[in-house]
């Protein structure tokens, strides 16, 4: 059956439209939730690693802070130094092989996106905190605030405002990077495209549709993020 390029695009859109939309919804869910959870993970890791070690602190506290900083550094080193696809394979199949856990692919995919984003967010948040005037922390301590209280009420809100563009970049990247989760059978957009392409052996047409949907998703999210950023800077 030779319908030409646009004919096949129309046919596959009609035949697999629901499948493509479902895959796009899963990709968007994983990207948004993974970015939010990753931002939370990265923020917590950065705040813990930045706890100051004072000369008057007890030895056990200094050792504990050193261990926390080492663990955060190791986490960042490991997750930033390995591909997300490999992380997905290790976590999904490793959980089954080592602990006999039958993970849901979407849950495993969300976990992978979250910890991967969190590793990058540690460094991003560190830059955001450093961009805040040090006098802000000194002023907070002067009025009796502790480290965590000052971070929560004064430093982090300003740091988040400074790194909103970078968080947006992570979100856009995660929308596209969810495609690697097809390796663990997450039924996201790329996986849906493979299903449609394999049934009729029309790979060009099927992935043309997938490409168009990814472009629409990232374009919409970019516009929303730009609007959000303008609201914050008023």
C-alpha atoms as a PDB file:
ATOM      1  CA  UNK A   1       0.000   0.000   0.000  1.00  0.00           C
ATOM      2  CA  UNK A   2       1.752   3.147  -1.233  1.00  0.00           C
ATOM      3  CA  UNK A   3       0.090   6.248   0.193  1.00  0.00           C
ATOM      4  CA  UNK A   4       3.089   8.553   0.009  1.00  0.00           C
ATOM      5  CA  UNK A   5       4.785  10.221   2.963  1.00  0.00           C
ATOM      6  CA  UNK A   6       1.949  12.487   4.072  1.00  0.00           C
ATOM      7  CA  UNK A   7      -0.580   9.758   3.497  1.00  0.00           C
ATOM      8  CA  UNK A   8       1.268   7.473   5.893  1.00  0.00           C
ATOM      9  CA  UNK A   9       1.654  10.307   8.404  1.00  0.00           C
ATOM     10  CA  UNK A  10      -2.099  10.875   8.309  1.00  0.00           C
ATOM     11  CA  UNK A  11      -2.822   7.140   8.520  1.00  0.00           C
ATOM     12  CA  UNK A  12      -0.501   6.553  11.477  1.00  0.00           C
ATOM     13  CA  UNK A  13      -1.875   9.618  13.243  1.00  0.00           C
ATOM     14  CA  UNK A  14      -5.397   8.281  12.836  1.00  0.00           C
ATOM     15  CA  UNK A  15      -4.465   4.711  13.732  1.00  0.00           C
ATOM     16  CA  UNK A  16      -2.142   5.449  16.666  1.00  0.00           C
ATOM     17  CA  UNK A  17      -3.216   8.917  17.750  1.00  0.00           C
ATOM     18  CA  UNK A  18      -4.334   7.706  21.182  1.00  0.00           C
ATOM     19  CA  UNK A  19      -1.112   5.732  21.627  1.00  0.00           C
ATOM     20  CA  UNK A  20       1.005   8.779  20.754  1.00  0.00           C
ATOM     21  CA  UNK A  21      -0.982  11.014  23.111  1.00  0.00           C
ATOM     22  CA  UNK A  22      -0.699   8.491  25.928  1.00  0.00           C
ATOM     23  CA  UNK A  23       3.048   8.259  25.367  1.00  0.00           C
ATOM     24  CA  UNK A  24       3.341  12.047  25.323  1.00  0.00           C
ATOM     25  CA  UNK A  25       1.387  12.242  28.586  1.00  0.00           C
ATOM     26  CA  UNK A  26       3.687   9.745  30.272  1.00  0.00           C
ATOM     27  CA  UNK A  27       6.783  11.566  28.993  1.00  0.00           C
ATOM     28  CA  UNK A  28       5.441  14.894  30.278  1.00  0.00           C
ATOM     29  CA  UNK A  29       4.506  13.386  33.650  1.00  0.00           C
ATOM     30  CA  UNK A  30       7.957  11.847  34.119  1.00  0.00           C
ATOM     31  CA  UNK A  31       9.697  15.048  33.058  1.00  0.00           C
ATOM     32  CA  UNK A  32       7.664  17.396  35.264  1.00  0.00           C
ATOM     33  CA  UNK A  33       7.608  15.186  38.362  1.00  0.00           C
ATOM     34  CA  UNK A  34      11.225  14.125  37.857  1.00  0.00           C
ATOM     35  CA  UNK A  35      12.315  17.755  37.626  1.00  0.00           C
ATOM     36  CA  UNK A  36      10.345  18.727  40.760  1.00  0.00           C
ATOM     37  CA  UNK A  37      11.634  15.773  42.780  1.00  0.00           C
ATOM     38  CA  UNK A  38      15.147  16.263  41.406  1.00  0.00           C
ATOM     39  CA  UNK A  39      15.053  19.910  42.442  1.00  0.00           C
ATOM     40  CA  UNK A  40      14.027  18.842  45.950  1.00  0.00           C
ATOM     41  CA  UNK A  41      16.762  16.194  46.108  1.00  0.00           C
ATOM     42  CA  UNK A  42      19.408  18.563  44.788  1.00  0.00           C
ATOM     43  CA  UNK A  43      18.374  21.338  47.158  1.00  0.00           C
ATOM     44  CA  UNK A  44      18.510  19.039  50.189  1.00  0.00           C
ATOM     45  CA  UNK A  45      21.880  17.660  49.126  1.00  0.00           C
ATOM     46  CA  UNK A  46      23.328  21.122  48.579  1.00  0.00           C
ATOM     47  CA  UNK A  47      22.019  22.504  51.886  1.00  0.00           C
ATOM     48  CA  UNK A  48      23.384  19.519  53.818  1.00  0.00           C
ATOM     49  CA  UNK A  49      26.773  19.709  52.107  1.00  0.00           C
ATOM     50  CA  UNK A  50      27.001  23.429  52.820  1.00  0.00           C
ATOM     51  CA  UNK A  51      26.539  23.146  56.599  1.00  0.00           C
ATOM     52  CA  UNK A  52      29.545  24.980  58.040  1.00  0.00           C
ATOM     53  CA  UNK A  53      32.021  23.104  60.213  1.00  0.00           C
ATOM     54  CA  UNK A  54      33.144  25.375  63.037  1.00  0.00           C
ATOM     55  CA  UNK A  55      36.320  25.005  65.142  1.00  0.00           C
ATOM     56  CA  UNK A  56      34.273  24.817  68.334  1.00  0.00           C
ATOM     57  CA  UNK A  57      32.162  21.923  67.024  1.00  0.00           C
ATOM     58  CA  UNK A  58      32.632  18.532  68.613  1.00  0.00           C
ATOM     59  CA  UNK A  59      34.773  16.028  66.733  1.00  0.00           C
ATOM     60  CA  UNK A  60      31.804  13.720  66.104  1.00  0.00           C
ATOM     61  CA  UNK A  61      29.890  16.566  64.442  1.00  0.00           C
ATOM     62  CA  UNK A  62      32.837  17.494  62.245  1.00  0.00           C
ATOM     63  CA  UNK A  63      33.225  13.857  61.205  1.00  0.00           C
ATOM     64  CA  UNK A  64      29.497  13.597  60.466  1.00  0.00           C
ATOM     65  CA  UNK A  65      29.576  16.757  58.333  1.00  0.00           C
ATOM     66  CA  UNK A  66      32.624  15.448  56.480  1.00  0.00           C
ATOM     67  CA  UNK A  67      30.794  12.159  55.802  1.00  0.00           C
ATOM     68  CA  UNK A  68      27.711  14.024  54.528  1.00  0.00           C
ATOM     69  CA  UNK A  69      29.819  16.151  52.175  1.00  0.00           C
ATOM     70  CA  UNK A  70      31.597  13.032  50.926  1.00  0.00           C
ATOM     71  CA  UNK A  71      28.307  11.219  50.297  1.00  0.00           C
ATOM     72  CA  UNK A  72      26.842  14.181  48.398  1.00  0.00           C
ATOM     73  CA  UNK A  73      30.031  14.498  46.318  1.00  0.00           C
ATOM     74  CA  UNK A  74      29.986  10.748  45.558  1.00  0.00           C
ATOM     75  CA  UNK A  75      26.308  10.913  44.548  1.00  0.00           C
ATOM     76  CA  UNK A  76      26.979  13.811  42.169  1.00  0.00           C
ATOM     77  CA  UNK A  77      30.086  12.111  40.755  1.00  0.00           C
ATOM     78  CA  UNK A  78      28.287   8.822  40.123  1.00  0.00           C
ATOM     79  CA  UNK A  79      25.054  10.172  38.627  1.00  0.00           C
ATOM     80  CA  UNK A  80      26.674  12.870  36.496  1.00  0.00           C
ATOM     81  CA  UNK A  81      29.358  10.478  35.288  1.00  0.00           C
ATOM     82  CA  UNK A  82      27.057   7.765  33.920  1.00  0.00           C
ATOM     83  CA  UNK A  83      24.368   7.892  31.196  1.00  0.00           C
ATOM     84  CA  UNK A  84      20.720   7.923  32.236  1.00  0.00           C
ATOM     85  CA  UNK A  85      20.065   4.907  30.024  1.00  0.00           C
ATOM     86  CA  UNK A  86      22.660   2.855  31.910  1.00  0.00           C
ATOM     87  CA  UNK A  87      21.280   4.063  35.255  1.00  0.00           C
ATOM     88  CA  UNK A  88      17.807   2.918  34.190  1.00  0.00           C
ATOM     89  CA  UNK A  89      19.112  -0.539  33.261  1.00  0.00           C
ATOM     90  CA  UNK A  90      21.079  -0.933  36.489  1.00  0.00           C
ATOM     91  CA  UNK A  91      18.217   0.210  38.741  1.00  0.00           C
ATOM     92  CA  UNK A  92      15.372  -1.599  36.976  1.00  0.00           C
ATOM     93  CA  UNK A  93      17.095  -4.922  36.387  1.00  0.00           C
ATOM     94  CA  UNK A  94      19.372  -4.643  39.419  1.00  0.00           C
ATOM     95  CA  UNK A  95      16.378  -4.323  41.745  1.00  0.00           C
ATOM     96  CA  UNK A  96      15.046  -7.595  40.365  1.00  0.00           C
ATOM     97  CA  UNK A  97      18.376  -9.436  40.386  1.00  0.00           C
ATOM     98  CA  UNK A  98      19.586  -8.306  43.824  1.00  0.00           C
ATOM     99  CA  UNK A  99      16.395  -7.815  45.828  1.00  0.00           C
ATOM    100  CA  UNK A 100      13.739  -9.693  43.808  1.00  0.00           C
ATOM    101  CA  UNK A 101      11.769  -6.419  43.483  1.00  0.00           C
ATOM    102  CA  UNK A 102       9.394  -6.335  40.540  1.00  0.00           C
ATOM    103  CA  UNK A 103       9.462  -2.598  39.892  1.00  0.00           C
ATOM    104  CA  UNK A 104       6.787  -0.857  37.873  1.00  0.00           C
ATOM    105  CA  UNK A 105       8.583   0.598  34.806  1.00  0.00           C
ATOM    106  CA  UNK A 106       7.025   4.049  35.242  1.00  0.00           C
ATOM    107  CA  UNK A 107       7.962   4.147  38.940  1.00  0.00           C
ATOM    108  CA  UNK A 108      11.508   3.072  38.093  1.00  0.00           C
ATOM    109  CA  UNK A 109      11.654   5.663  35.314  1.00  0.00           C
ATOM    110  CA  UNK A 110      10.495   8.428  37.647  1.00  0.00           C
ATOM    111  CA  UNK A 111      13.116   7.402  40.191  1.00  0.00           C
ATOM    112  CA  UNK A 112      15.853   7.480  37.548  1.00  0.00           C
ATOM    113  CA  UNK A 113      14.856  10.901  36.185  1.00  0.00           C
ATOM    114  CA  UNK A 114      14.595  12.299  39.727  1.00  0.00           C
ATOM    115  CA  UNK A 115      17.986  11.151  40.997  1.00  0.00           C
ATOM    116  CA  UNK A 116      19.670  12.080  37.722  1.00  0.00           C
ATOM    117  CA  UNK A 117      18.208  15.587  37.826  1.00  0.00           C
ATOM    118  CA  UNK A 118      19.030  15.837  41.529  1.00  0.00           C
ATOM    119  CA  UNK A 119      22.719  15.234  40.870  1.00  0.00           C
ATOM    120  CA  UNK A 120      22.863  18.176  38.473  1.00  0.00           C
ATOM    121  CA  UNK A 121      20.675  20.291  40.744  1.00  0.00           C
ATOM    122  CA  UNK A 122      23.177  19.998  43.612  1.00  0.00           C
ATOM    123  CA  UNK A 123      25.701  22.028  41.641  1.00  0.00           C
ATOM    124  CA  UNK A 124      23.062  24.347  40.211  1.00  0.00           C
ATOM    125  CA  UNK A 125      21.673  25.108  43.657  1.00  0.00           C
ATOM    126  CA  UNK A 126      25.179  25.646  45.014  1.00  0.00           C
ATOM    127  CA  UNK A 127      25.666  28.328  42.369  1.00  0.00           C
ATOM    128  CA  UNK A 128      22.277  29.825  43.246  1.00  0.00           C
ATOM    129  CA  UNK A 129      23.147  29.998  46.944  1.00  0.00           C
ATOM    130  CA  UNK A 130      26.533  31.531  46.194  1.00  0.00           C
ATOM    131  CA  UNK A 131      24.807  34.216  44.117  1.00  0.00           C
ATOM    132  CA  UNK A 132      22.982  35.434  47.229  1.00  0.00           C
ATOM    133  CA  UNK A 133      24.778  38.181  49.125  1.00  0.00           C
ATOM    134  CA  UNK A 134      26.653  36.569  52.078  1.00  0.00           C
ATOM    135  CA  UNK A 135      25.384  39.431  54.201  1.00  0.00           C
ATOM    136  CA  UNK A 136      21.928  37.840  54.028  1.00  0.00           C
ATOM    137  CA  UNK A 137      23.110  34.849  56.066  1.00  0.00           C
ATOM    138  CA  UNK A 138      25.044  37.057  58.449  1.00  0.00           C
ATOM    139  CA  UNK A 139      21.969  39.215  58.998  1.00  0.00           C
ATOM    140  CA  UNK A 140      19.837  36.134  59.633  1.00  0.00           C
ATOM    141  CA  UNK A 141      22.277  34.872  62.241  1.00  0.00           C
ATOM    142  CA  UNK A 142      22.382  38.320  63.825  1.00  0.00           C
ATOM    143  CA  UNK A 143      18.647  38.175  64.549  1.00  0.00           C
ATOM    144  CA  UNK A 144      18.930  34.706  66.051  1.00  0.00           C
ATOM    145  CA  UNK A 145      18.123  32.406  63.145  1.00  0.00           C
ATOM    146  CA  UNK A 146      19.797  29.027  62.889  1.00  0.00           C
ATOM    147  CA  UNK A 147      21.403  27.671  59.715  1.00  0.00           C
ATOM    148  CA  UNK A 148      18.388  25.702  58.468  1.00  0.00           C
ATOM    149  CA  UNK A 149      15.892  28.415  59.370  1.00  0.00           C
ATOM    150  CA  UNK A 150      17.946  31.042  57.525  1.00  0.00           C
ATOM    151  CA  UNK A 151      18.268  28.752  54.524  1.00  0.00           C
ATOM    152  CA  UNK A 152      14.542  28.009  54.413  1.00  0.00           C
ATOM    153  CA  UNK A 153      13.245  31.521  54.946  1.00  0.00           C
ATOM    154  CA  UNK A 154      15.888  33.787  53.398  1.00  0.00           C
ATOM    155  CA  UNK A 155      18.577  32.131  51.282  1.00  0.00           C
ATOM    156  CA  UNK A 156      16.724  29.419  49.345  1.00  0.00           C
ATOM    157  CA  UNK A 157      13.842  31.631  48.121  1.00  0.00           C
ATOM    158  CA  UNK A 158      16.377  34.030  46.592  1.00  0.00           C
ATOM    159  CA  UNK A 159      18.501  31.191  45.220  1.00  0.00           C
ATOM    160  CA  UNK A 160      15.472  29.557  43.565  1.00  0.00           C
ATOM    161  CA  UNK A 161      14.582  32.811  41.884  1.00  0.00           C
ATOM    162  CA  UNK A 162      18.104  33.042  40.473  1.00  0.00           C
ATOM    163  CA  UNK A 163      18.126  29.515  39.056  1.00  0.00           C
ATOM    164  CA  UNK A 164      14.620  29.388  37.552  1.00  0.00           C
ATOM    165  CA  UNK A 165      16.052  29.497  33.982  1.00  0.00           C
ATOM    166  CA  UNK A 166      18.314  26.528  34.733  1.00  0.00           C
ATOM    167  CA  UNK A 167      15.449  24.530  36.259  1.00  0.00           C
ATOM    168  CA  UNK A 168      13.522  25.264  33.064  1.00  0.00           C
ATOM    169  CA  UNK A 169      16.418  23.912  31.019  1.00  0.00           C
ATOM    170  CA  UNK A 170      16.391  20.716  33.072  1.00  0.00           C
ATOM    171  CA  UNK A 171      12.667  20.331  32.445  1.00  0.00           C
ATOM    172  CA  UNK A 172      13.049  20.733  28.685  1.00  0.00           C
ATOM    173  CA  UNK A 173      15.950  18.285  28.644  1.00  0.00           C
ATOM    174  CA  UNK A 174      14.015  15.765  30.723  1.00  0.00           C
ATOM    175  CA  UNK A 175      11.073  15.828  28.295  1.00  0.00           C
ATOM    176  CA  UNK A 176      13.461  14.673  25.581  1.00  0.00           C
ATOM    177  CA  UNK A 177      15.579  12.395  27.768  1.00  0.00           C
ATOM    178  CA  UNK A 178      12.588  10.321  28.886  1.00  0.00           C
ATOM    179  CA  UNK A 179      12.982   8.621  25.509  1.00  0.00           C
ATOM    180  CA  UNK A 180      15.865   6.549  26.927  1.00  0.00           C
ATOM    181  CA  UNK A 181      13.447   4.956  29.409  1.00  0.00           C
ATOM    182  CA  UNK A 182      11.982   2.902  26.563  1.00  0.00           C
ATOM    183  CA  UNK A 183      14.922   0.593  27.302  1.00  0.00           C
ATOM    184  CA  UNK A 184      13.086  -0.552  30.466  1.00  0.00           C
ATOM    185  CA  UNK A 185       9.720  -0.740  28.664  1.00  0.00           C
ATOM    186  CA  UNK A 186       8.347   2.584  29.890  1.00  0.00           C
ATOM    187  CA  UNK A 187       5.526   3.251  27.432  1.00  0.00           C
ATOM    188  CA  UNK A 188       6.490   6.880  26.777  1.00  0.00           C
ATOM    189  CA  UNK A 189       6.442   8.725  23.473  1.00  0.00           C
ATOM    190  CA  UNK A 190       9.506   7.141  21.859  1.00  0.00           C
ATOM    191  CA  UNK A 191       8.298   3.668  22.839  1.00  0.00           C
ATOM    192  CA  UNK A 192       4.901   4.472  21.286  1.00  0.00           C
ATOM    193  CA  UNK A 193       6.642   5.544  18.090  1.00  0.00           C
ATOM    194  CA  UNK A 194       8.528   2.256  17.914  1.00  0.00           C
ATOM    195  CA  UNK A 195       5.277   0.355  18.319  1.00  0.00           C
ATOM    196  CA  UNK A 196       3.596   2.249  15.485  1.00  0.00           C
ATOM    197  CA  UNK A 197       6.635   2.043  13.225  1.00  0.00           C
ATOM    198  CA  UNK A 198       7.189  -1.680  13.790  1.00  0.00           C
ATOM    199  CA  UNK A 199       3.671  -2.707  12.872  1.00  0.00           C
ATOM    200  CA  UNK A 200       3.820  -1.171   9.398  1.00  0.00           C
ATOM    201  CA  UNK A 201       7.600  -0.793   8.958  1.00  0.00           C
ATOM    202  CA  UNK A 202       7.132   2.954   8.365  1.00  0.00           C
ATOM    203  CA  UNK A 203       9.888   4.238  10.634  1.00  0.00           C
ATOM    204  CA  UNK A 204      10.427   7.588   8.952  1.00  0.00           C
ATOM    205  CA  UNK A 205       6.774   8.568   9.074  1.00  0.00           C
ATOM    206  CA  UNK A 206       6.222   7.290  12.643  1.00  0.00           C
ATOM    207  CA  UNK A 207       9.228   9.087  14.074  1.00  0.00           C
ATOM    208  CA  UNK A 208       8.413  12.207  12.114  1.00  0.00           C
ATOM    209  CA  UNK A 209       5.197  12.291  14.155  1.00  0.00           C
ATOM    210  CA  UNK A 210       7.137  11.586  17.365  1.00  0.00           C
ATOM    211  CA  UNK A 211       9.575  14.378  16.538  1.00  0.00           C
ATOM    212  CA  UNK A 212       6.715  16.810  15.928  1.00  0.00           C
ATOM    213  CA  UNK A 213       5.089  15.931  19.260  1.00  0.00           C
ATOM    214  CA  UNK A 214       8.358  16.380  21.166  1.00  0.00           C
ATOM    215  CA  UNK A 215       8.798  19.764  19.490  1.00  0.00           C
ATOM    216  CA  UNK A 216       5.266  20.812  20.428  1.00  0.00           C
ATOM    217  CA  UNK A 217       5.765  19.725  24.057  1.00  0.00           C
ATOM    218  CA  UNK A 218       9.089  21.504  24.472  1.00  0.00           C
ATOM    219  CA  UNK A 219       7.814  24.639  22.730  1.00  0.00           C
ATOM    220  CA  UNK A 220       4.755  24.867  24.980  1.00  0.00           C
ATOM    221  CA  UNK A 221       6.817  24.309  28.120  1.00  0.00           C
ATOM    222  CA  UNK A 222       9.347  26.928  26.992  1.00  0.00           C
ATOM    223  CA  UNK A 223       6.582  29.503  26.503  1.00  0.00           C
ATOM    224  CA  UNK A 224       5.075  28.705  29.920  1.00  0.00           C
ATOM    225  CA  UNK A 225       8.463  28.916  31.619  1.00  0.00           C
ATOM    226  CA  UNK A 226       9.248  32.247  29.942  1.00  0.00           C
ATOM    227  CA  UNK A 227       5.907  33.631  31.125  1.00  0.00           C
ATOM    228  CA  UNK A 228       6.539  32.328  34.658  1.00  0.00           C
ATOM    229  CA  UNK A 229      10.005  33.892  34.682  1.00  0.00           C
ATOM    230  CA  UNK A 230       8.601  37.260  33.587  1.00  0.00           C
ATOM    231  CA  UNK A 231       6.031  37.123  36.407  1.00  0.00           C
ATOM    232  CA  UNK A 232       8.785  36.503  38.961  1.00  0.00           C
ATOM    233  CA  UNK A 233      10.924  39.381  37.722  1.00  0.00           C
ATOM    234  CA  UNK A 234       8.158  42.014  37.937  1.00  0.00           C
END
